[in-house]
Amino acid sequence: MIQLLKNKPIIINTDLDGIISGLILSKYLNCRIVGFSNSAEKIWLEEPLAHDYKKACFVDMYVANPDTMTIDQHIVSVNAEHHNILIQNQNKINPNLLNKRCFLPNQSYYMKYPFGTIHFIIALLEEVGIKLTDLNLYNTIQNLSFIDLILRSDDAMNTTVNSNYMINASEWWNWLEEKSNHGSITSELKTYLSNITAQYAVLKKNEIAFILQNHPFNCNTPDGGIHNVLDESQLKQSVKHYIRFIADVAGIELFDINKNFKAYLGSAKRTSLTEKQQNELTISNTIDGQEVFSYAFVRSSNRDNNFSYTLKNKDNI
């Protein structure tokens, strides 16, 4: 399944999960980063790629169009019926599809995949026999090791050792290890987590947030998210510094960040779907007749605004 991404252009998120995923995919599958997204209403595409984004794979962002390739970790199935439709599409690579988890019933949602796309990608690469043994998980810069950055992605470290979801996290680490055929990197991530304390997890989370959200990186969120990456058509210098820093800690050759990009804007919305809207989404990837660009169920059904989605704007994304 992961081999489908080989030599593929990819669009990655700006947070740690997205940047590290892009570095790993460029190193081991020769993927070419052609754009970025903010996981919501903005994507920035390499020119002259422009509207050719459908030929790329979106990493860590689920795009509803069945012909667009995505690898992500969000809850995207309304229910078992919807899951049975999505699992047949080889363009949609998602742990909650491979190990069935749906929005409904709530008990299924409560057991959803709790980590980042990067942890899933590593397991899939190891599953097909790609050796990642040249990764130096303990390479350290500014007191930050690569393994801690990987495990900060989508708060995997804290979820595993210092949360209300530790049982679910343990079950998913077992699943990832089995999926990876007990690959060396996946197994080392699991072992490392078994040997750290909750206090260490909190300390590292705070350290990473401080580094990323202050000069010279100035990220908008504690996990490296950036609301606007461009200064005219080039990446901001702070964004370039940030991506270089992650590549240096990872010890992976940096992809080309000196390209011209163009911004595209959709309309990001949050709501709770009615049963009628759930059926419409399942059948046609639309909400009230409007084409949905991307979406995810981000809370259980007994909480308000549990559905996050982005609508396409005319003459834009």
C-alpha atoms as a PDB file:
ATOM      1  CA  MET A   1       0.000   0.000   0.000  1.00  0.00           C
ATOM      2  CA  ILE A   2       2.687   2.531   1.010  1.00  0.00           C
ATOM      3  CA  GLN A   3       4.599   1.716  -2.211  1.00  0.00           C
ATOM      4  CA  LEU A   4       1.902   3.649  -4.104  1.00  0.00           C
ATOM      5  CA  LEU A   5       3.582   6.818  -2.844  1.00  0.00           C
ATOM      6  CA  LYS A   6       6.927   6.021  -4.471  1.00  0.00           C
ATOM      7  CA  ASN A   7       8.138   8.969  -6.609  1.00  0.00           C
ATOM      8  CA  LYS A   8       4.811  10.693  -5.885  1.00  0.00           C
ATOM      9  CA  PRO A   9       4.472  14.474  -5.425  1.00  0.00           C
ATOM     10  CA  ILE A  10       3.162  15.125  -1.919  1.00  0.00           C
ATOM     11  CA  ILE A  11       1.527  17.993  -0.030  1.00  0.00           C
ATOM     12  CA  ILE A  12       2.384  18.058   3.673  1.00  0.00           C
ATOM     13  CA  ASN A  13       1.132  19.832   6.772  1.00  0.00           C
ATOM     14  CA  THR A  14       3.277  22.481   8.404  1.00  0.00           C
ATOM     15  CA  ASP A  15       3.319  20.905  11.864  1.00  0.00           C
ATOM     16  CA  LEU A  16       5.899  18.433  13.179  1.00  0.00           C
ATOM     17  CA  ASP A  17       3.870  15.473  11.976  1.00  0.00           C
ATOM     18  CA  GLY A  18       3.706  16.847   8.443  1.00  0.00           C
ATOM     19  CA  ILE A  19       7.322  18.014   8.174  1.00  0.00           C
ATOM     20  CA  ILE A  20       8.813  14.793   9.567  1.00  0.00           C
ATOM     21  CA  SER A  21       6.479  12.721   7.386  1.00  0.00           C
ATOM     22  CA  GLY A  22       7.667  14.688   4.352  1.00  0.00           C
ATOM     23  CA  LEU A  23      11.327  14.150   5.247  1.00  0.00           C
ATOM     24  CA  ILE A  24      10.849  10.401   5.750  1.00  0.00           C
ATOM     25  CA  LEU A  25       8.845   9.977   2.533  1.00  0.00           C
ATOM     26  CA  SER A  26      11.348  11.990   0.509  1.00  0.00           C
ATOM     27  CA  LYS A  27      14.230   9.908   1.897  1.00  0.00           C
ATOM     28  CA  TYR A  28      12.771   6.420   1.513  1.00  0.00           C
ATOM     29  CA  LEU A  29      10.203   6.719  -1.300  1.00  0.00           C
ATOM     30  CA  ASN A  30      11.704   9.595  -3.296  1.00  0.00           C
ATOM     31  CA  CYS A  31       8.563  11.673  -2.812  1.00  0.00           C
ATOM     32  CA  ARG A  32       8.764  15.309  -3.917  1.00  0.00           C
ATOM     33  CA  ILE A  33       7.239  17.952  -1.665  1.00  0.00           C
ATOM     34  CA  VAL A  34       5.163  20.258  -3.889  1.00  0.00           C
ATOM     35  CA  GLY A  35       3.055  22.034  -1.312  1.00  0.00           C
ATOM     36  CA  PHE A  36       1.948  22.601   2.256  1.00  0.00           C
ATOM     37  CA  SER A  37      -1.372  22.782   4.084  1.00  0.00           C
ATOM     38  CA  ASN A  38      -2.517  24.144   7.427  1.00  0.00           C
ATOM     39  CA  SER A  39      -4.970  21.248   7.963  1.00  0.00           C
ATOM     40  CA  ALA A  40      -7.890  23.593   7.471  1.00  0.00           C
ATOM     41  CA  GLU A  41      -8.643  26.170   4.801  1.00  0.00           C
ATOM     42  CA  LYS A  42      -5.243  26.928   3.238  1.00  0.00           C
ATOM     43  CA  ILE A  43      -2.921  25.077   0.917  1.00  0.00           C
ATOM     44  CA  TRP A  44       0.207  26.464  -0.701  1.00  0.00           C
ATOM     45  CA  LEU A  45       1.209  24.809  -3.965  1.00  0.00           C
ATOM     46  CA  GLU A  46       4.428  24.953  -5.896  1.00  0.00           C
ATOM     47  CA  GLU A  47       4.053  26.920  -9.093  1.00  0.00           C
ATOM     48  CA  PRO A  48       3.320  25.947 -11.817  1.00  0.00           C
ATOM     49  CA  LEU A  49       1.605  22.946 -10.144  1.00  0.00           C
ATOM     50  CA  ALA A  50      -1.442  25.118  -9.407  1.00  0.00           C
ATOM     51  CA  HIS A  51      -4.689  23.174  -9.874  1.00  0.00           C
ATOM     52  CA  ASP A  52      -2.831  19.937 -10.648  1.00  0.00           C
ATOM     53  CA  TYR A  53      -2.942  19.074  -6.947  1.00  0.00           C
ATOM     54  CA  LYS A  54      -5.136  16.032  -7.660  1.00  0.00           C
ATOM     55  CA  LYS A  55      -2.011  14.286  -8.969  1.00  0.00           C
ATOM     56  CA  ALA A  56      -0.331  14.692  -5.574  1.00  0.00           C
ATOM     57  CA  CYS A  57      -0.828  12.783  -2.328  1.00  0.00           C
ATOM     58  CA  PHE A  58      -2.004  14.765   0.685  1.00  0.00           C
ATOM     59  CA  VAL A  59      -0.083  13.715   3.800  1.00  0.00           C
ATOM     60  CA  ASP A  60      -1.781  14.042   7.217  1.00  0.00           C
ATOM     61  CA  MET A  61      -4.900  15.536   5.622  1.00  0.00           C
ATOM     62  CA  TYR A  62      -7.908  13.600   4.366  1.00  0.00           C
ATOM     63  CA  VAL A  63      -9.221  14.840   1.009  1.00  0.00           C
ATOM     64  CA  ALA A  64     -12.695  13.608   0.130  1.00  0.00           C
ATOM     65  CA  ASN A  65     -12.273  13.281  -3.645  1.00  0.00           C
ATOM     66  CA  PRO A  66     -11.969   9.509  -4.202  1.00  0.00           C
ATOM     67  CA  ASP A  67      -9.382  10.024  -6.959  1.00  0.00           C
ATOM     68  CA  THR A  68      -7.031  12.037  -4.737  1.00  0.00           C
ATOM     69  CA  MET A  69      -4.489  10.016  -2.782  1.00  0.00           C
ATOM     70  CA  THR A  70      -4.250  10.679   0.960  1.00  0.00           C
ATOM     71  CA  ILE A  71      -2.351   9.156   3.846  1.00  0.00           C
ATOM     72  CA  ASP A  72      -3.645  10.375   7.187  1.00  0.00           C
ATOM     73  CA  GLN A  73      -4.880   9.216  10.583  1.00  0.00           C
ATOM     74  CA  HIS A  74      -8.249  10.904  11.070  1.00  0.00           C
ATOM     75  CA  ILE A  75     -11.665   9.380  11.668  1.00  0.00           C
ATOM     76  CA  VAL A  76     -13.273   9.621   8.231  1.00  0.00           C
ATOM     77  CA  SER A  77     -15.953   6.896   8.234  1.00  0.00           C
ATOM     78  CA  VAL A  78     -19.400   7.836   9.508  1.00  0.00           C
ATOM     79  CA  ASN A  79     -20.236   4.231  10.352  1.00  0.00           C
ATOM     80  CA  ALA A  80     -19.552   0.646   9.289  1.00  0.00           C
ATOM     81  CA  GLU A  81     -21.408   1.108   5.991  1.00  0.00           C
ATOM     82  CA  HIS A  82     -19.284   4.123   5.109  1.00  0.00           C
ATOM     83  CA  HIS A  83     -16.142   2.299   6.233  1.00  0.00           C
ATOM     84  CA  ASN A  84     -16.909  -0.553   3.824  1.00  0.00           C
ATOM     85  CA  ILE A  85     -17.016   1.959   0.965  1.00  0.00           C
ATOM     86  CA  LEU A  86     -13.799   3.776   1.867  1.00  0.00           C
ATOM     87  CA  ILE A  87     -11.728   0.669   2.610  1.00  0.00           C
ATOM     88  CA  GLN A  88     -12.119  -0.398  -1.029  1.00  0.00           C
ATOM     89  CA  ASN A  89     -10.357   2.741  -2.290  1.00  0.00           C
ATOM     90  CA  GLN A  90      -6.585   2.190  -2.480  1.00  0.00           C
ATOM     91  CA  ASN A  91      -6.115   5.966  -2.609  1.00  0.00           C
ATOM     92  CA  LYS A  92      -7.141   6.286   1.039  1.00  0.00           C
ATOM     93  CA  ILE A  93      -4.463   5.033   3.468  1.00  0.00           C
ATOM     94  CA  ASN A  94      -5.542   5.407   7.077  1.00  0.00           C
ATOM     95  CA  PRO A  95      -5.066   3.291  10.240  1.00  0.00           C
ATOM     96  CA  ASN A  96      -8.722   3.734  11.175  1.00  0.00           C
ATOM     97  CA  LEU A  97      -9.632   2.115   7.865  1.00  0.00           C
ATOM     98  CA  LEU A  98      -7.134  -0.742   8.220  1.00  0.00           C
ATOM     99  CA  ASN A  99      -8.156  -1.367  11.850  1.00  0.00           C
ATOM    100  CA  LYS A 100     -11.825  -0.393  11.676  1.00  0.00           C
ATOM    101  CA  ARG A 101     -12.750   2.654  13.714  1.00  0.00           C
ATOM    102  CA  CYS A 102     -15.730   4.851  12.852  1.00  0.00           C
ATOM    103  CA  PHE A 103     -17.482   7.965  14.113  1.00  0.00           C
ATOM    104  CA  LEU A 104     -20.497   5.853  15.070  1.00  0.00           C
ATOM    105  CA  PRO A 105     -21.023   4.161  17.419  1.00  0.00           C
ATOM    106  CA  ASN A 106     -19.233   6.203  20.071  1.00  0.00           C
ATOM    107  CA  GLN A 107     -17.478   3.134  21.432  1.00  0.00           C
ATOM    108  CA  SER A 108     -15.710   2.775  18.093  1.00  0.00           C
ATOM    109  CA  TYR A 109     -14.693   6.440  18.091  1.00  0.00           C
ATOM    110  CA  TYR A 110     -13.285   6.188  21.629  1.00  0.00           C
ATOM    111  CA  MET A 111     -10.859   3.528  20.372  1.00  0.00           C
ATOM    112  CA  LYS A 112      -9.588   5.577  17.414  1.00  0.00           C
ATOM    113  CA  TYR A 113      -5.946   5.764  16.377  1.00  0.00           C
ATOM    114  CA  PRO A 114      -4.323   8.234  18.834  1.00  0.00           C
ATOM    115  CA  PHE A 115      -0.961   9.076  17.226  1.00  0.00           C
ATOM    116  CA  GLY A 116       0.473  10.924  14.233  1.00  0.00           C
ATOM    117  CA  THR A 117       0.634  10.052  10.569  1.00  0.00           C
ATOM    118  CA  ILE A 118       4.425   9.716  10.873  1.00  0.00           C
ATOM    119  CA  HIS A 119       4.167   6.759  13.281  1.00  0.00           C
ATOM    120  CA  PHE A 120       1.801   5.054  10.841  1.00  0.00           C
ATOM    121  CA  ILE A 121       4.106   5.801   7.884  1.00  0.00           C
ATOM    122  CA  ILE A 122       7.128   4.329   9.687  1.00  0.00           C
ATOM    123  CA  ALA A 123       5.215   1.112  10.427  1.00  0.00           C
ATOM    124  CA  LEU A 124       4.009   0.824   6.812  1.00  0.00           C
ATOM    125  CA  LEU A 125       7.531   1.325   5.451  1.00  0.00           C
ATOM    126  CA  GLU A 126       8.866  -1.367   7.765  1.00  0.00           C
ATOM    127  CA  GLU A 127       5.959  -3.665   6.864  1.00  0.00           C
ATOM    128  CA  VAL A 128       7.117  -3.799   3.219  1.00  0.00           C
ATOM    129  CA  GLY A 129      10.729  -4.441   4.220  1.00  0.00           C
ATOM    130  CA  ILE A 130      12.204  -0.966   3.848  1.00  0.00           C
ATOM    131  CA  LYS A 131      15.045  -0.754   6.352  1.00  0.00           C
ATOM    132  CA  LEU A 132      15.086   2.434   8.397  1.00  0.00           C
ATOM    133  CA  THR A 133      18.113   1.440  10.442  1.00  0.00           C
ATOM    134  CA  ASP A 134      20.123   4.410   9.151  1.00  0.00           C
ATOM    135  CA  LEU A 135      17.803   6.757  11.052  1.00  0.00           C
ATOM    136  CA  ASN A 136      19.546   8.107  14.147  1.00  0.00           C
ATOM    137  CA  LEU A 137      16.687   8.473  16.595  1.00  0.00           C
ATOM    138  CA  TYR A 138      19.030   9.879  19.222  1.00  0.00           C
ATOM    139  CA  ASN A 139      20.620  12.620  17.116  1.00  0.00           C
ATOM    140  CA  THR A 140      20.300  15.700  19.336  1.00  0.00           C
ATOM    141  CA  ILE A 141      20.380  19.455  18.733  1.00  0.00           C
ATOM    142  CA  GLN A 142      19.476  22.082  21.374  1.00  0.00           C
ATOM    143  CA  ASN A 143      18.724  19.273  23.830  1.00  0.00           C
ATOM    144  CA  LEU A 144      16.100  17.893  21.438  1.00  0.00           C
ATOM    145  CA  SER A 145      16.533  14.388  20.101  1.00  0.00           C
ATOM    146  CA  PHE A 146      14.929  13.156  16.905  1.00  0.00           C
ATOM    147  CA  ILE A 147      12.973  10.519  18.813  1.00  0.00           C
ATOM    148  CA  ASP A 148      11.417  13.187  21.036  1.00  0.00           C
ATOM    149  CA  LEU A 149      10.374  15.235  17.996  1.00  0.00           C
ATOM    150  CA  ILE A 150       8.825  12.166  16.386  1.00  0.00           C
ATOM    151  CA  LEU A 151       6.924  11.395  19.574  1.00  0.00           C
ATOM    152  CA  ARG A 152       5.812  15.013  20.008  1.00  0.00           C
ATOM    153  CA  SER A 153       4.008  14.668  16.668  1.00  0.00           C
ATOM    154  CA  ASP A 154       0.284  14.661  17.427  1.00  0.00           C
ATOM    155  CA  ASP A 155       1.211  14.406  21.123  1.00  0.00           C
ATOM    156  CA  ALA A 156       2.001  10.680  20.870  1.00  0.00           C
ATOM    157  CA  MET A 157       4.365  10.721  23.854  1.00  0.00           C
ATOM    158  CA  ASN A 158       1.965  12.421  26.224  1.00  0.00           C
ATOM    159  CA  THR A 159      -0.974  10.311  25.041  1.00  0.00           C
ATOM    160  CA  THR A 160       1.008   7.139  25.684  1.00  0.00           C
ATOM    161  CA  VAL A 161       2.382   7.853  29.162  1.00  0.00           C
ATOM    162  CA  ASN A 162       0.365  10.723  30.641  1.00  0.00           C
ATOM    163  CA  SER A 163      -3.285  10.744  29.560  1.00  0.00           C
ATOM    164  CA  ASN A 164      -6.690   9.160  30.026  1.00  0.00           C
ATOM    165  CA  TYR A 165      -6.128   7.188  26.821  1.00  0.00           C
ATOM    166  CA  MET A 166      -3.116   5.118  27.852  1.00  0.00           C
ATOM    167  CA  ILE A 167      -4.877   1.748  27.437  1.00  0.00           C
ATOM    168  CA  ASN A 168      -5.973   2.631  23.911  1.00  0.00           C
ATOM    169  CA  ALA A 169      -2.474   3.962  23.144  1.00  0.00           C
ATOM    170  CA  SER A 170      -0.892   0.712  24.339  1.00  0.00           C
ATOM    171  CA  GLU A 171      -3.213  -1.327  22.127  1.00  0.00           C
ATOM    172  CA  TRP A 172      -2.362   0.804  19.100  1.00  0.00           C
ATOM    173  CA  TRP A 173       1.392   0.545  19.743  1.00  0.00           C
ATOM    174  CA  ASN A 174       0.940  -3.224  19.708  1.00  0.00           C
ATOM    175  CA  TRP A 175      -0.968  -2.897  16.437  1.00  0.00           C
ATOM    176  CA  LEU A 176       1.750  -0.698  14.890  1.00  0.00           C
ATOM    177  CA  GLU A 177       4.456  -3.103  15.994  1.00  0.00           C
ATOM    178  CA  GLU A 178       2.610  -6.033  14.435  1.00  0.00           C
ATOM    179  CA  LYS A 179       1.918  -4.004  11.281  1.00  0.00           C
ATOM    180  CA  SER A 180       5.635  -3.163  10.993  1.00  0.00           C
ATOM    181  CA  ASN A 181       6.588  -6.855  11.313  1.00  0.00           C
ATOM    182  CA  HIS A 182       8.370  -5.826  14.507  1.00  0.00           C
ATOM    183  CA  GLY A 183      10.437  -3.310  12.588  1.00  0.00           C
ATOM    184  CA  SER A 184      13.419  -1.853  14.429  1.00  0.00           C
ATOM    185  CA  ILE A 185      12.240   1.776  14.500  1.00  0.00           C
ATOM    186  CA  THR A 186       8.644   1.055  15.518  1.00  0.00           C
ATOM    187  CA  SER A 187       9.853  -1.318  18.206  1.00  0.00           C
ATOM    188  CA  GLU A 188      12.370   1.239  19.471  1.00  0.00           C
ATOM    189  CA  LEU A 189       9.681   3.941  19.695  1.00  0.00           C
ATOM    190  CA  LYS A 190       7.525   1.570  21.742  1.00  0.00           C
ATOM    191  CA  THR A 191      10.425   0.542  24.004  1.00  0.00           C
ATOM    192  CA  TYR A 192      11.534   4.151  24.532  1.00  0.00           C
ATOM    193  CA  LEU A 193       8.048   5.136  25.653  1.00  0.00           C
ATOM    194  CA  SER A 194       7.923   2.246  28.114  1.00  0.00           C
ATOM    195  CA  ASN A 195      10.999   3.673  29.846  1.00  0.00           C
ATOM    196  CA  ILE A 196      10.016   7.322  30.280  1.00  0.00           C
ATOM    197  CA  THR A 197       7.936   9.002  32.955  1.00  0.00           C
ATOM    198  CA  ALA A 198       4.923  11.266  32.750  1.00  0.00           C
ATOM    199  CA  GLN A 199       7.115  14.079  34.105  1.00  0.00           C
ATOM    200  CA  TYR A 200       9.569  13.638  31.232  1.00  0.00           C
ATOM    201  CA  ALA A 201       6.723  13.748  28.709  1.00  0.00           C
ATOM    202  CA  VAL A 202       5.443  17.049  30.128  1.00  0.00           C
ATOM    203  CA  LEU A 203       8.967  18.501  30.250  1.00  0.00           C
ATOM    204  CA  LYS A 204       9.697  17.641  26.620  1.00  0.00           C
ATOM    205  CA  LYS A 205       6.327  18.877  25.432  1.00  0.00           C
ATOM    206  CA  ASN A 206       6.973  22.246  27.075  1.00  0.00           C
ATOM    207  CA  GLU A 207      10.568  22.443  25.821  1.00  0.00           C
ATOM    208  CA  ILE A 208       9.548  21.749  22.239  1.00  0.00           C
ATOM    209  CA  ALA A 209       6.696  24.281  22.404  1.00  0.00           C
ATOM    210  CA  PHE A 210       9.067  26.961  23.709  1.00  0.00           C
ATOM    211  CA  ILE A 211      11.630  26.342  20.971  1.00  0.00           C
ATOM    212  CA  LEU A 212       9.146  26.197  18.117  1.00  0.00           C
ATOM    213  CA  GLN A 213       6.983  29.150  19.134  1.00  0.00           C
ATOM    214  CA  ASN A 214       9.826  31.582  19.718  1.00  0.00           C
ATOM    215  CA  HIS A 215      12.503  33.221  17.549  1.00  0.00           C
ATOM    216  CA  PRO A 216      13.698  32.253  14.982  1.00  0.00           C
ATOM    217  CA  PHE A 217      10.904  29.784  14.112  1.00  0.00           C
ATOM    218  CA  ASN A 218       7.835  31.645  15.444  1.00  0.00           C
ATOM    219  CA  CYS A 219       5.414  28.761  14.859  1.00  0.00           C
ATOM    220  CA  ASN A 220       1.789  29.498  15.702  1.00  0.00           C
ATOM    221  CA  THR A 221       1.092  26.290  17.608  1.00  0.00           C
ATOM    222  CA  PRO A 222       3.096  24.259  20.149  1.00  0.00           C
ATOM    223  CA  ASP A 223       3.452  21.369  17.686  1.00  0.00           C
ATOM    224  CA  GLY A 224       4.849  23.505  14.869  1.00  0.00           C
ATOM    225  CA  GLY A 225       1.678  24.500  13.049  1.00  0.00           C
ATOM    226  CA  ILE A 226       1.928  27.655  10.925  1.00  0.00           C
ATOM    227  CA  HIS A 227      -1.065  29.700   9.796  1.00  0.00           C
ATOM    228  CA  ASN A 228       0.654  31.432   6.879  1.00  0.00           C
ATOM    229  CA  VAL A 229       3.905  30.140   5.387  1.00  0.00           C
ATOM    230  CA  LEU A 230       4.457  32.665   2.602  1.00  0.00           C
ATOM    231  CA  ASP A 231       6.138  36.027   2.226  1.00  0.00           C
ATOM    232  CA  GLU A 232       4.765  36.928  -1.201  1.00  0.00           C
ATOM    233  CA  SER A 233       5.551  33.783  -3.243  1.00  0.00           C
ATOM    234  CA  GLN A 234       8.452  32.414  -1.161  1.00  0.00           C
ATOM    235  CA  LEU A 235       8.440  30.620   2.172  1.00  0.00           C
ATOM    236  CA  LYS A 236       9.070  33.009   5.049  1.00  0.00           C
ATOM    237  CA  GLN A 237      12.603  32.952   6.424  1.00  0.00           C
ATOM    238  CA  SER A 238      11.238  31.790   9.785  1.00  0.00           C
ATOM    239  CA  VAL A 239       9.520  28.853   8.040  1.00  0.00           C
ATOM    240  CA  LYS A 240      12.726  27.953   6.211  1.00  0.00           C
ATOM    241  CA  HIS A 241      14.659  28.062   9.509  1.00  0.00           C
ATOM    242  CA  TYR A 242      12.037  25.821  11.099  1.00  0.00           C
ATOM    243  CA  ILE A 243      12.073  23.204   8.340  1.00  0.00           C
ATOM    244  CA  ARG A 244      15.901  23.228   8.223  1.00  0.00           C
ATOM    245  CA  PHE A 245      16.013  22.721  11.990  1.00  0.00           C
ATOM    246  CA  ILE A 246      13.711  19.680  11.842  1.00  0.00           C
ATOM    247  CA  ALA A 247      15.781  18.223   8.975  1.00  0.00           C
ATOM    248  CA  ASP A 248      18.999  18.790  10.943  1.00  0.00           C
ATOM    249  CA  VAL A 249      17.641  17.074  14.058  1.00  0.00           C
ATOM    250  CA  ALA A 250      16.377  14.221  11.876  1.00  0.00           C
ATOM    251  CA  GLY A 251      19.706  13.964  10.073  1.00  0.00           C
ATOM    252  CA  ILE A 252      17.817  13.805   6.749  1.00  0.00           C
ATOM    253  CA  GLU A 253      18.720  15.746   3.634  1.00  0.00           C
ATOM    254  CA  LEU A 254      16.446  18.757   3.269  1.00  0.00           C
ATOM    255  CA  PHE A 255      14.076  18.937   0.326  1.00  0.00           C
ATOM    256  CA  ASP A 256      14.031  22.060  -1.853  1.00  0.00           C
ATOM    257  CA  ILE A 257      12.442  24.925   0.085  1.00  0.00           C
ATOM    258  CA  ASN A 258      13.465  27.701  -2.312  1.00  0.00           C
ATOM    259  CA  LYS A 259      10.523  27.445  -4.682  1.00  0.00           C
ATOM    260  CA  ASN A 260       7.715  29.789  -5.583  1.00  0.00           C
ATOM    261  CA  PHE A 261       4.334  28.909  -4.097  1.00  0.00           C
ATOM    262  CA  LYS A 262       0.785  30.130  -4.574  1.00  0.00           C
ATOM    263  CA  ALA A 263      -1.849  30.218  -1.840  1.00  0.00           C
ATOM    264  CA  TYR A 264      -5.278  28.626  -2.266  1.00  0.00           C
ATOM    265  CA  LEU A 265      -8.155  29.236   0.113  1.00  0.00           C
ATOM    266  CA  GLY A 266     -11.215  27.190   1.006  1.00  0.00           C
ATOM    267  CA  SER A 267     -13.894  27.744   3.638  1.00  0.00           C
ATOM    268  CA  ALA A 268     -13.280  25.939   6.936  1.00  0.00           C
ATOM    269  CA  LYS A 269     -16.354  25.038   8.985  1.00  0.00           C
ATOM    270  CA  ARG A 270     -17.322  23.132  12.145  1.00  0.00           C
ATOM    271  CA  THR A 271     -20.707  21.567  12.784  1.00  0.00           C
ATOM    272  CA  SER A 272     -22.542  18.450  13.906  1.00  0.00           C
ATOM    273  CA  LEU A 273     -24.073  16.491  11.046  1.00  0.00           C
ATOM    274  CA  THR A 274     -27.696  15.421  11.009  1.00  0.00           C
ATOM    275  CA  GLU A 275     -28.460  11.839  10.002  1.00  0.00           C
ATOM    276  CA  LYS A 276     -29.505  13.147   6.584  1.00  0.00           C
ATOM    277  CA  GLN A 277     -26.184  14.983   6.180  1.00  0.00           C
ATOM    278  CA  GLN A 278     -24.268  11.879   7.272  1.00  0.00           C
ATOM    279  CA  ASN A 279     -25.985   9.878   4.542  1.00  0.00           C
ATOM    280  CA  GLU A 280     -25.262  12.605   2.002  1.00  0.00           C
ATOM    281  CA  LEU A 281     -21.580  12.659   2.940  1.00  0.00           C
ATOM    282  CA  THR A 282     -21.421   8.864   2.624  1.00  0.00           C
ATOM    283  CA  ILE A 283     -23.039   8.841  -0.801  1.00  0.00           C
ATOM    284  CA  SER A 284     -21.649  11.931  -2.510  1.00  0.00           C
ATOM    285  CA  ASN A 285     -18.953  13.676  -0.388  1.00  0.00           C
ATOM    286  CA  THR A 286     -21.211  16.719  -0.180  1.00  0.00           C
ATOM    287  CA  ILE A 287     -22.915  18.610   2.650  1.00  0.00           C
ATOM    288  CA  ASP A 288     -26.185  20.320   1.753  1.00  0.00           C
ATOM    289  CA  GLY A 289     -25.243  19.974  -1.910  1.00  0.00           C
ATOM    290  CA  GLN A 290     -21.834  21.641  -1.488  1.00  0.00           C
ATOM    291  CA  GLU A 291     -18.712  19.718  -2.468  1.00  0.00           C
ATOM    292  CA  VAL A 292     -16.514  18.908   0.529  1.00  0.00           C
ATOM    293  CA  PHE A 293     -12.783  19.275  -0.060  1.00  0.00           C
ATOM    294  CA  SER A 294     -11.530  17.722   3.179  1.00  0.00           C
ATOM    295  CA  TYR A 295     -13.027  16.610   6.473  1.00  0.00           C
ATOM    296  CA  ALA A 296     -12.558  14.723   9.737  1.00  0.00           C
ATOM    297  CA  PHE A 297     -14.675  13.757  12.719  1.00  0.00           C
ATOM    298  CA  VAL A 298     -12.763  15.420  15.551  1.00  0.00           C
ATOM    299  CA  ARG A 299     -15.023  14.698  18.543  1.00  0.00           C
ATOM    300  CA  SER A 300     -17.476  12.011  19.561  1.00  0.00           C
ATOM    301  CA  SER A 301     -21.127  12.319  18.583  1.00  0.00           C
ATOM    302  CA  ASN A 302     -22.220  13.433  22.064  1.00  0.00           C
ATOM    303  CA  ARG A 303     -20.157  16.628  21.751  1.00  0.00           C
ATOM    304  CA  ASP A 304     -21.049  19.700  19.706  1.00  0.00           C
ATOM    305  CA  ASN A 305     -19.187  20.715  16.546  1.00  0.00           C
ATOM    306  CA  ASN A 306     -17.685  17.273  16.127  1.00  0.00           C
ATOM    307  CA  PHE A 307     -17.300  17.520  12.344  1.00  0.00           C
ATOM    308  CA  SER A 308     -14.562  19.687  10.827  1.00  0.00           C
ATOM    309  CA  TYR A 309     -14.636  20.260   7.077  1.00  0.00           C
ATOM    310  CA  THR A 310     -13.460  22.538   4.308  1.00  0.00           C
ATOM    311  CA  LEU A 311     -15.565  23.540   1.323  1.00  0.00           C
ATOM    312  CA  LYS A 312     -14.074  24.276  -2.053  1.00  0.00           C
ATOM    313  CA  ASN A 313     -14.223  27.889  -3.179  1.00  0.00           C
ATOM    314  CA  LYS A 314     -14.945  28.612  -6.801  1.00  0.00           C
ATOM    315  CA  ASP A 315     -11.729  29.281  -8.748  1.00  0.00           C
ATOM    316  CA  ASN A 316      -9.705  28.188  -5.740  1.00  0.00           C
ATOM    317  CA  ILE A 317      -9.179  24.790  -4.122  1.00  0.00           C
END
